[in-house]
Amino acid sequence: MAGTPQSQLIRQTKESYGESFHADLFEQYKLYVASSEKISERRVSSNNYLLTVNAFLVTSYGLLAASQYKSYWIILVPIAGVLVSLTWYLIITSYRNLNSVKFKVINEIEKQMPVALYEYEWKIAEEGKGKAYRPLSHLEQWIPIIFIILYGSVTLINLLCVI
């Protein structure tokens, strides 16, 4: 139908909206792409913060283990590290899911554009499944997992030494 919007995202046609349809659509597209970039910036900031927290916990553990004040702190610090790292993993997963949704919306908007840059880039990148590109979120999720393994190992060793 000529007067019916083509998707759930685009609610109006050029005819029903008016002459500024394409200009306004492009402005909204630019704002939405910028918001997806902000999500990536927040993810990087979050990663930096949580890496710093983990570095602090590992350093604290090392200082406590070498001191005479070992007590329950050498168990509590690794447990806190597991909780921080688990939270970090969930945050990375959340950002990855949010970005996936955002790029589906961007791809839908690009259907109204002369070129579909993001969709084409994703196709060339073999949708993150080939050798051309590995999504950063799939790689960065291993960092908190490594910390969880480290903290779990340290906790297990400490518990075995107590027994």
N, C-alpha and C. Protein backbone atom coordinates (compact mmCIF):
# COMPACT_ATOMS: atom_id res chain seq x y z
N MET A 1 0.82 -1.17 0.00
CA MET A 1 0.00 0.00 0.00
C MET A 1 0.86 1.24 0.00
N ALA A 2 0.54 2.20 -0.80
CA ALA A 2 1.38 3.39 -0.96
C ALA A 2 1.36 4.28 0.27
N GLY A 3 0.23 4.40 0.95
CA GLY A 3 0.13 5.32 2.08
C GLY A 3 0.36 4.68 3.43
N THR A 4 0.80 3.41 3.50
CA THR A 4 0.97 2.69 4.75
C THR A 4 2.46 2.65 5.12
N PRO A 5 2.78 2.92 6.39
CA PRO A 5 4.19 2.81 6.81
C PRO A 5 4.71 1.39 6.59
N GLN A 6 6.03 1.28 6.31
CA GLN A 6 6.63 0.01 5.94
C GLN A 6 7.03 -0.87 7.13
N SER A 7 7.08 -0.31 8.32
CA SER A 7 7.50 -1.10 9.47
C SER A 7 6.86 -0.54 10.73
N GLN A 8 7.05 -1.23 11.84
CA GLN A 8 6.57 -0.73 13.13
C GLN A 8 7.40 0.47 13.58
N LEU A 9 8.63 0.54 13.12
CA LEU A 9 9.51 1.64 13.52
C LEU A 9 9.13 2.94 12.84
N ILE A 10 8.97 2.90 11.53
CA ILE A 10 8.61 4.10 10.77
C ILE A 10 7.08 4.19 10.80
N ARG A 11 6.58 5.13 11.55
CA ARG A 11 5.14 5.18 11.80
C ARG A 11 4.36 5.96 10.73
N GLN A 12 5.07 6.76 9.98
CA GLN A 12 4.38 7.56 8.97
C GLN A 12 5.08 7.47 7.64
N THR A 13 4.35 7.81 6.61
CA THR A 13 4.94 7.88 5.28
C THR A 13 5.33 9.33 5.01
N LYS A 14 6.10 9.51 3.97
CA LYS A 14 6.47 10.87 3.57
C LYS A 14 5.21 11.68 3.27
N GLU A 15 4.25 11.04 2.66
CA GLU A 15 3.01 11.72 2.28
C GLU A 15 2.24 12.20 3.51
N SER A 16 2.16 11.35 4.55
CA SER A 16 1.40 11.74 5.74
C SER A 16 2.20 12.66 6.66
N TYR A 17 3.52 12.60 6.60
CA TYR A 17 4.37 13.39 7.49
C TYR A 17 4.63 14.78 6.92
N GLY A 18 5.02 14.81 5.66
CA GLY A 18 5.34 16.09 5.04
C GLY A 18 6.70 16.08 4.38
N GLU A 19 7.06 17.22 3.83
CA GLU A 19 8.30 17.34 3.05
C GLU A 19 9.57 17.10 3.86
N SER A 20 9.53 17.36 5.16
CA SER A 20 10.75 17.22 5.97
C SER A 20 10.96 15.77 6.45
N PHE A 21 10.19 14.84 5.94
CA PHE A 21 10.27 13.44 6.37
C PHE A 21 11.70 12.91 6.32
N HIS A 22 12.36 13.00 5.19
CA HIS A 22 13.71 12.42 5.05
C HIS A 22 14.74 13.18 5.89
N ALA A 23 14.63 14.50 5.95
CA ALA A 23 15.57 15.28 6.76
C ALA A 23 15.41 14.95 8.24
N ASP A 24 14.16 14.87 8.70
CA ASP A 24 13.92 14.54 10.10
C ASP A 24 14.33 13.10 10.42
N LEU A 25 14.06 12.18 9.51
CA LEU A 25 14.47 10.80 9.69
C LEU A 25 15.99 10.71 9.81
N PHE A 26 16.70 11.44 8.97
CA PHE A 26 18.16 11.43 9.02
C PHE A 26 18.68 12.03 10.33
N GLU A 27 18.03 13.07 10.83
CA GLU A 27 18.44 13.66 12.11
C GLU A 27 18.24 12.67 13.25
N GLN A 28 17.09 11.99 13.24
CA GLN A 28 16.84 10.97 14.26
C GLN A 28 17.85 9.83 14.15
N TYR A 29 18.19 9.46 12.95
CA TYR A 29 19.18 8.42 12.71
C TYR A 29 20.52 8.83 13.31
N LYS A 30 20.95 10.06 13.05
CA LYS A 30 22.23 10.54 13.59
C LYS A 30 22.22 10.53 15.12
N LEU A 31 21.12 10.97 15.72
CA LEU A 31 21.02 10.96 17.18
C LEU A 31 21.07 9.54 17.73
N TYR A 32 20.42 8.63 17.05
CA TYR A 32 20.38 7.25 17.52
C TYR A 32 21.75 6.58 17.39
N VAL A 33 22.45 6.85 16.30
CA VAL A 33 23.81 6.32 16.14
C VAL A 33 24.71 6.88 17.23
N ALA A 34 24.56 8.18 17.53
CA ALA A 34 25.35 8.80 18.60
C ALA A 34 25.04 8.15 19.95
N SER A 35 23.77 7.80 20.17
CA SER A 35 23.42 7.16 21.45
C SER A 35 24.05 5.76 21.54
N SER A 36 24.18 5.08 20.42
CA SER A 36 24.83 3.76 20.46
C SER A 36 26.33 3.92 20.74
N GLU A 37 26.92 4.99 20.25
CA GLU A 37 28.33 5.26 20.55
C GLU A 37 28.51 5.58 22.04
N LYS A 38 27.54 6.28 22.62
CA LYS A 38 27.59 6.60 24.05
C LYS A 38 27.52 5.32 24.89
N ILE A 39 26.73 4.36 24.44
CA ILE A 39 26.65 3.08 25.14
C ILE A 39 28.03 2.42 25.16
N SER A 40 28.72 2.46 24.03
CA SER A 40 30.06 1.87 23.96
C SER A 40 31.03 2.60 24.88
N GLU A 41 30.91 3.92 24.95
CA GLU A 41 31.77 4.70 25.84
C GLU A 41 31.50 4.34 27.31
N ARG A 42 30.23 4.19 27.64
CA ARG A 42 29.88 3.81 29.02
C ARG A 42 30.40 2.41 29.34
N ARG A 43 30.36 1.51 28.35
CA ARG A 43 30.87 0.15 28.56
C ARG A 43 32.36 0.19 28.87
N VAL A 44 33.10 1.00 28.11
CA VAL A 44 34.54 1.12 28.34
C VAL A 44 34.82 1.70 29.72
N SER A 45 34.06 2.74 30.11
CA SER A 45 34.23 3.33 31.44
C SER A 45 33.94 2.32 32.53
N SER A 46 32.88 1.55 32.35
CA SER A 46 32.52 0.51 33.31
C SER A 46 33.62 -0.53 33.42
N ASN A 47 34.14 -0.95 32.28
CA ASN A 47 35.24 -1.94 32.28
C ASN A 47 36.46 -1.39 33.01
N ASN A 48 36.81 -0.14 32.74
CA ASN A 48 37.98 0.47 33.41
C ASN A 48 37.78 0.52 34.92
N TYR A 49 36.59 0.92 35.33
CA TYR A 49 36.29 1.00 36.76
C TYR A 49 36.38 -0.38 37.42
N LEU A 50 35.75 -1.38 36.82
CA LEU A 50 35.73 -2.71 37.42
C LEU A 50 37.10 -3.39 37.37
N LEU A 51 37.88 -3.08 36.36
CA LEU A 51 39.26 -3.58 36.34
C LEU A 51 40.06 -2.97 37.48
N THR A 52 39.85 -1.68 37.74
CA THR A 52 40.52 -1.01 38.85
C THR A 52 40.10 -1.61 40.19
N VAL A 53 38.81 -1.89 40.36
CA VAL A 53 38.33 -2.52 41.59
C VAL A 53 38.98 -3.89 41.77
N ASN A 54 39.05 -4.66 40.71
CA ASN A 54 39.69 -5.98 40.79
C ASN A 54 41.17 -5.86 41.10
N ALA A 55 41.84 -4.90 40.49
CA ALA A 55 43.27 -4.70 40.78
C ALA A 55 43.46 -4.35 42.26
N PHE A 56 42.57 -3.52 42.78
CA PHE A 56 42.62 -3.18 44.20
C PHE A 56 42.42 -4.43 45.07
N LEU A 57 41.45 -5.26 44.71
CA LEU A 57 41.17 -6.46 45.50
C LEU A 57 42.34 -7.45 45.45
N VAL A 58 42.93 -7.62 44.27
CA VAL A 58 44.08 -8.52 44.15
C VAL A 58 45.26 -7.98 44.97
N THR A 59 45.49 -6.68 44.89
CA THR A 59 46.57 -6.06 45.66
C THR A 59 46.30 -6.20 47.16
N SER A 60 45.06 -5.95 47.56
CA SER A 60 44.69 -6.08 48.98
C SER A 60 44.93 -7.50 49.46
N TYR A 61 44.51 -8.46 48.64
CA TYR A 61 44.71 -9.85 49.01
C TYR A 61 46.19 -10.16 49.20
N GLY A 62 47.01 -9.69 48.24
CA GLY A 62 48.44 -9.94 48.33
C GLY A 62 49.05 -9.34 49.59
N LEU A 63 48.64 -8.12 49.92
CA LEU A 63 49.16 -7.47 51.13
C LEU A 63 48.67 -8.19 52.39
N LEU A 64 47.40 -8.58 52.40
CA LEU A 64 46.85 -9.28 53.57
C LEU A 64 47.49 -10.66 53.75
N ALA A 65 47.68 -11.37 52.66
CA ALA A 65 48.26 -12.71 52.74
C ALA A 65 49.69 -12.67 53.23
N ALA A 66 50.39 -11.57 52.94
CA ALA A 66 51.79 -11.45 53.36
C ALA A 66 51.91 -10.88 54.77
N SER A 67 50.84 -10.38 55.32
CA SER A 67 50.92 -9.74 56.63
C SER A 67 50.56 -10.73 57.75
N GLN A 68 50.67 -10.25 58.97
CA GLN A 68 50.31 -11.08 60.11
C GLN A 68 48.81 -11.04 60.39
N TYR A 69 48.06 -10.18 59.67
CA TYR A 69 46.62 -10.02 59.91
C TYR A 69 45.79 -10.80 58.88
N LYS A 70 46.11 -12.03 58.68
CA LYS A 70 45.44 -12.83 57.65
C LYS A 70 43.97 -13.05 57.99
N SER A 71 43.67 -13.56 59.10
CA SER A 71 42.32 -13.88 59.59
C SER A 71 41.32 -14.15 58.48
N TYR A 72 40.12 -13.68 58.65
CA TYR A 72 39.04 -13.97 57.70
C TYR A 72 39.12 -13.12 56.43
N TRP A 73 39.97 -12.11 56.41
CA TRP A 73 40.06 -11.24 55.24
C TRP A 73 40.59 -11.98 54.01
N ILE A 74 41.43 -12.98 54.22
CA ILE A 74 41.96 -13.69 53.06
C ILE A 74 40.91 -14.59 52.41
N ILE A 75 39.78 -14.77 53.08
CA ILE A 75 38.63 -15.46 52.48
C ILE A 75 37.64 -14.43 51.94
N LEU A 76 37.40 -13.37 52.69
CA LEU A 76 36.39 -12.38 52.30
C LEU A 76 36.79 -11.58 51.05
N VAL A 77 38.06 -11.25 50.93
CA VAL A 77 38.51 -10.46 49.76
C VAL A 77 38.28 -11.24 48.47
N PRO A 78 38.68 -12.52 48.37
CA PRO A 78 38.38 -13.26 47.14
C PRO A 78 36.88 -13.44 46.88
N ILE A 79 36.10 -13.61 47.95
CA ILE A 79 34.65 -13.72 47.76
C ILE A 79 34.10 -12.41 47.20
N ALA A 80 34.56 -11.29 47.72
CA ALA A 80 34.16 -9.99 47.18
C ALA A 80 34.59 -9.88 45.72
N GLY A 81 35.77 -10.38 45.41
CA GLY A 81 36.25 -10.37 44.03
C GLY A 81 35.38 -11.18 43.09
N VAL A 82 34.92 -12.34 43.56
CA VAL A 82 34.01 -13.16 42.74
C VAL A 82 32.72 -12.39 42.47
N LEU A 83 32.18 -11.75 43.50
CA LEU A 83 30.94 -10.99 43.34
C LEU A 83 31.12 -9.80 42.38
N VAL A 84 32.22 -9.09 42.53
CA VAL A 84 32.51 -7.96 41.63
C VAL A 84 32.67 -8.46 40.19
N SER A 85 33.40 -9.55 40.03
CA SER A 85 33.64 -10.08 38.69
C SER A 85 32.37 -10.64 38.05
N LEU A 86 31.53 -11.26 38.84
CA LEU A 86 30.26 -11.76 38.33
C LEU A 86 29.37 -10.59 37.88
N THR A 87 29.35 -9.54 38.68
CA THR A 87 28.62 -8.33 38.30
C THR A 87 29.17 -7.75 37.01
N TRP A 88 30.48 -7.73 36.89
CA TRP A 88 31.15 -7.22 35.69
C TRP A 88 30.72 -8.03 34.47
N TYR A 89 30.73 -9.34 34.60
CA TYR A 89 30.31 -10.21 33.50
C TYR A 89 28.88 -9.91 33.07
N LEU A 90 28.00 -9.74 34.05
CA LEU A 90 26.60 -9.43 33.75
C LEU A 90 26.44 -8.06 33.09
N ILE A 91 27.26 -7.10 33.50
CA ILE A 91 27.23 -5.77 32.88
C ILE A 91 27.67 -5.85 31.42
N ILE A 92 28.74 -6.59 31.16
CA ILE A 92 29.20 -6.76 29.77
C ILE A 92 28.10 -7.41 28.93
N THR A 93 27.46 -8.43 29.46
CA THR A 93 26.37 -9.10 28.75
C THR A 93 25.23 -8.13 28.48
N SER A 94 24.89 -7.32 29.46
CA SER A 94 23.81 -6.35 29.31
C SER A 94 24.14 -5.33 28.22
N TYR A 95 25.37 -4.79 28.24
CA TYR A 95 25.77 -3.83 27.20
C TYR A 95 25.76 -4.49 25.81
N ARG A 96 26.21 -5.73 25.73
CA ARG A 96 26.20 -6.44 24.44
C ARG A 96 24.77 -6.58 23.93
N ASN A 97 23.86 -6.97 24.80
CA ASN A 97 22.46 -7.12 24.40
C ASN A 97 21.85 -5.79 23.99
N LEU A 98 22.14 -4.74 24.74
CA LEU A 98 21.61 -3.42 24.41
C LEU A 98 22.14 -2.95 23.06
N ASN A 99 23.43 -3.14 22.82
CA ASN A 99 23.98 -2.74 21.52
C ASN A 99 23.39 -3.55 20.38
N SER A 100 23.13 -4.83 20.61
CA SER A 100 22.50 -5.65 19.57
C SER A 100 21.14 -5.10 19.19
N VAL A 101 20.37 -4.72 20.19
CA VAL A 101 19.05 -4.13 19.93
C VAL A 101 19.19 -2.80 19.19
N LYS A 102 20.12 -1.98 19.65
CA LYS A 102 20.32 -0.68 19.00
C LYS A 102 20.69 -0.85 17.52
N PHE A 103 21.53 -1.83 17.22
CA PHE A 103 21.92 -2.00 15.82
C PHE A 103 20.81 -2.61 14.98
N LYS A 104 19.91 -3.35 15.59
CA LYS A 104 18.73 -3.80 14.84
C LYS A 104 17.86 -2.60 14.46
N VAL A 105 17.73 -1.66 15.38
CA VAL A 105 16.96 -0.44 15.09
C VAL A 105 17.67 0.38 14.01
N ILE A 106 18.98 0.52 14.13
CA ILE A 106 19.75 1.26 13.12
C ILE A 106 19.58 0.61 11.75
N ASN A 107 19.66 -0.70 11.70
CA ASN A 107 19.47 -1.41 10.42
C ASN A 107 18.08 -1.17 9.85
N GLU A 108 17.08 -1.11 10.72
CA GLU A 108 15.71 -0.86 10.26
C GLU A 108 15.59 0.56 9.69
N ILE A 109 16.21 1.52 10.36
CA ILE A 109 16.18 2.90 9.85
C ILE A 109 16.92 2.98 8.52
N GLU A 110 18.02 2.24 8.41
CA GLU A 110 18.81 2.27 7.17
C GLU A 110 18.03 1.76 5.96
N LYS A 111 16.96 1.04 6.19
CA LYS A 111 16.13 0.59 5.06
C LYS A 111 15.49 1.78 4.35
N GLN A 112 15.41 2.91 5.05
CA GLN A 112 14.85 4.13 4.47
C GLN A 112 15.93 5.05 3.90
N MET A 113 17.19 4.64 4.03
CA MET A 113 18.33 5.46 3.59
C MET A 113 18.85 4.96 2.24
N PRO A 114 19.60 5.82 1.56
CA PRO A 114 20.19 5.40 0.28
C PRO A 114 21.20 4.26 0.42
N VAL A 115 21.93 4.24 1.55
CA VAL A 115 22.90 3.17 1.80
C VAL A 115 22.67 2.61 3.20
N ALA A 116 23.02 1.34 3.37
CA ALA A 116 22.88 0.67 4.68
C ALA A 116 24.29 0.33 5.17
N LEU A 117 24.99 1.33 5.70
CA LEU A 117 26.39 1.16 6.07
C LEU A 117 26.61 0.12 7.16
N TYR A 118 25.85 0.21 8.23
CA TYR A 118 26.06 -0.73 9.33
C TYR A 118 25.69 -2.15 8.94
N GLU A 119 24.60 -2.31 8.23
CA GLU A 119 24.20 -3.64 7.79
C GLU A 119 25.25 -4.24 6.86
N TYR A 120 25.80 -3.43 5.96
CA TYR A 120 26.82 -3.90 5.03
C TYR A 120 28.12 -4.25 5.78
N GLU A 121 28.49 -3.40 6.73
CA GLU A 121 29.69 -3.66 7.53
C GLU A 121 29.55 -4.98 8.28
N TRP A 122 28.39 -5.22 8.86
CA TRP A 122 28.14 -6.45 9.60
C TRP A 122 28.20 -7.66 8.69
N LYS A 123 27.72 -7.50 7.47
CA LYS A 123 27.78 -8.58 6.48
C LYS A 123 29.24 -8.89 6.13
N ILE A 124 30.04 -7.87 5.89
CA ILE A 124 31.45 -8.06 5.58
C ILE A 124 32.18 -8.70 6.76
N ALA A 125 31.78 -8.32 7.98
CA ALA A 125 32.40 -8.87 9.19
C ALA A 125 31.87 -10.26 9.51
N GLU A 126 31.10 -10.84 8.59
CA GLU A 126 30.55 -12.19 8.73
C GLU A 126 29.73 -12.32 10.02
N GLU A 127 29.03 -11.25 10.35
CA GLU A 127 28.16 -11.19 11.53
C GLU A 127 28.90 -11.57 12.81
N GLY A 128 30.19 -11.29 12.88
CA GLY A 128 30.97 -11.58 14.07
C GLY A 128 31.29 -13.04 14.26
N LYS A 129 30.98 -13.87 13.26
CA LYS A 129 31.18 -15.31 13.40
C LYS A 129 32.35 -15.83 12.59
N GLY A 130 32.94 -14.98 11.78
CA GLY A 130 34.03 -15.42 10.92
C GLY A 130 35.38 -14.98 11.45
N LYS A 131 36.36 -15.04 10.59
CA LYS A 131 37.72 -14.66 10.97
C LYS A 131 37.96 -13.16 10.79
N ALA A 132 37.08 -12.51 10.03
CA ALA A 132 37.28 -11.09 9.73
C ALA A 132 37.12 -10.21 10.96
N TYR A 133 36.27 -10.62 11.89
CA TYR A 133 35.97 -9.76 13.04
C TYR A 133 35.44 -10.61 14.18
N ARG A 134 35.94 -10.35 15.37
CA ARG A 134 35.42 -10.97 16.59
C ARG A 134 34.87 -9.82 17.44
N PRO A 135 33.60 -9.86 17.80
CA PRO A 135 33.04 -8.78 18.61
C PRO A 135 33.82 -8.60 19.92
N LEU A 136 34.09 -7.36 20.25
CA LEU A 136 34.86 -7.05 21.45
C LEU A 136 34.18 -7.60 22.70
N SER A 137 32.86 -7.53 22.75
CA SER A 137 32.17 -8.00 23.95
C SER A 137 32.36 -9.51 24.16
N HIS A 138 32.59 -10.26 23.08
CA HIS A 138 32.83 -11.69 23.23
C HIS A 138 34.23 -11.94 23.79
N LEU A 139 35.15 -11.04 23.50
CA LEU A 139 36.51 -11.18 24.03
C LEU A 139 36.60 -10.63 25.45
N GLU A 140 35.99 -9.46 25.68
CA GLU A 140 36.12 -8.82 26.99
C GLU A 140 35.40 -9.58 28.09
N GLN A 141 34.44 -10.41 27.75
CA GLN A 141 33.74 -11.18 28.78
C GLN A 141 34.66 -12.18 29.46
N TRP A 142 35.79 -12.50 28.83
CA TRP A 142 36.73 -13.45 29.43
C TRP A 142 37.51 -12.85 30.59
N ILE A 143 37.64 -11.54 30.63
CA ILE A 143 38.42 -10.90 31.71
C ILE A 143 37.78 -11.16 33.08
N PRO A 144 36.48 -10.88 33.26
CA PRO A 144 35.91 -11.21 34.58
C PRO A 144 35.89 -12.71 34.85
N ILE A 145 35.77 -13.53 33.83
CA ILE A 145 35.81 -14.99 34.04
C ILE A 145 37.17 -15.40 34.58
N ILE A 146 38.23 -14.83 34.03
CA ILE A 146 39.58 -15.13 34.51
C ILE A 146 39.74 -14.70 35.97
N PHE A 147 39.21 -13.51 36.30
CA PHE A 147 39.25 -13.07 37.69
C PHE A 147 38.46 -14.01 38.60
N ILE A 148 37.31 -14.47 38.15
CA ILE A 148 36.50 -15.39 38.95
C ILE A 148 37.27 -16.68 39.21
N ILE A 149 37.95 -17.19 38.18
CA ILE A 149 38.77 -18.40 38.34
C ILE A 149 39.91 -18.14 39.33
N LEU A 150 40.55 -16.98 39.21
CA LEU A 150 41.63 -16.62 40.12
C LEU A 150 41.13 -16.56 41.56
N TYR A 151 40.04 -15.82 41.78
CA TYR A 151 39.49 -15.69 43.13
C TYR A 151 39.01 -17.04 43.67
N GLY A 152 38.37 -17.83 42.82
CA GLY A 152 37.90 -19.15 43.25
C GLY A 152 39.06 -20.04 43.65
N SER A 153 40.12 -19.99 42.87
CA SER A 153 41.31 -20.81 43.18
C SER A 153 41.93 -20.38 44.50
N VAL A 154 42.07 -19.08 44.68
CA VAL A 154 42.66 -18.56 45.92
C VAL A 154 41.80 -18.94 47.13
N THR A 155 40.50 -18.81 46.98
CA THR A 155 39.59 -19.18 48.08
C THR A 155 39.71 -20.66 48.40
N LEU A 156 39.71 -21.50 47.36
CA LEU A 156 39.83 -22.94 47.57
C LEU A 156 41.15 -23.29 48.26
N ILE A 157 42.22 -22.68 47.82
CA ILE A 157 43.54 -22.95 48.44
C ILE A 157 43.52 -22.53 49.90
N ASN A 158 42.95 -21.35 50.16
CA ASN A 158 42.88 -20.89 51.56
C ASN A 158 42.05 -21.82 52.42
N LEU A 159 40.92 -22.28 51.88
CA LEU A 159 40.07 -23.19 52.64
C LEU A 159 40.77 -24.53 52.89
N LEU A 160 41.51 -25.03 51.90
CA LEU A 160 42.23 -26.28 52.07
C LEU A 160 43.35 -26.15 53.10
N CYS A 161 43.96 -24.97 53.15
CA CYS A 161 45.02 -24.74 54.14
C CYS A 161 44.47 -24.67 55.55
N VAL A 162 43.23 -24.23 55.70
CA VAL A 162 42.61 -24.13 57.01
C VAL A 162 42.20 -25.50 57.52
N ILE A 163 41.78 -26.37 56.60
CA ILE A 163 41.30 -27.70 56.98
C ILE A 163 42.43 -28.59 57.36
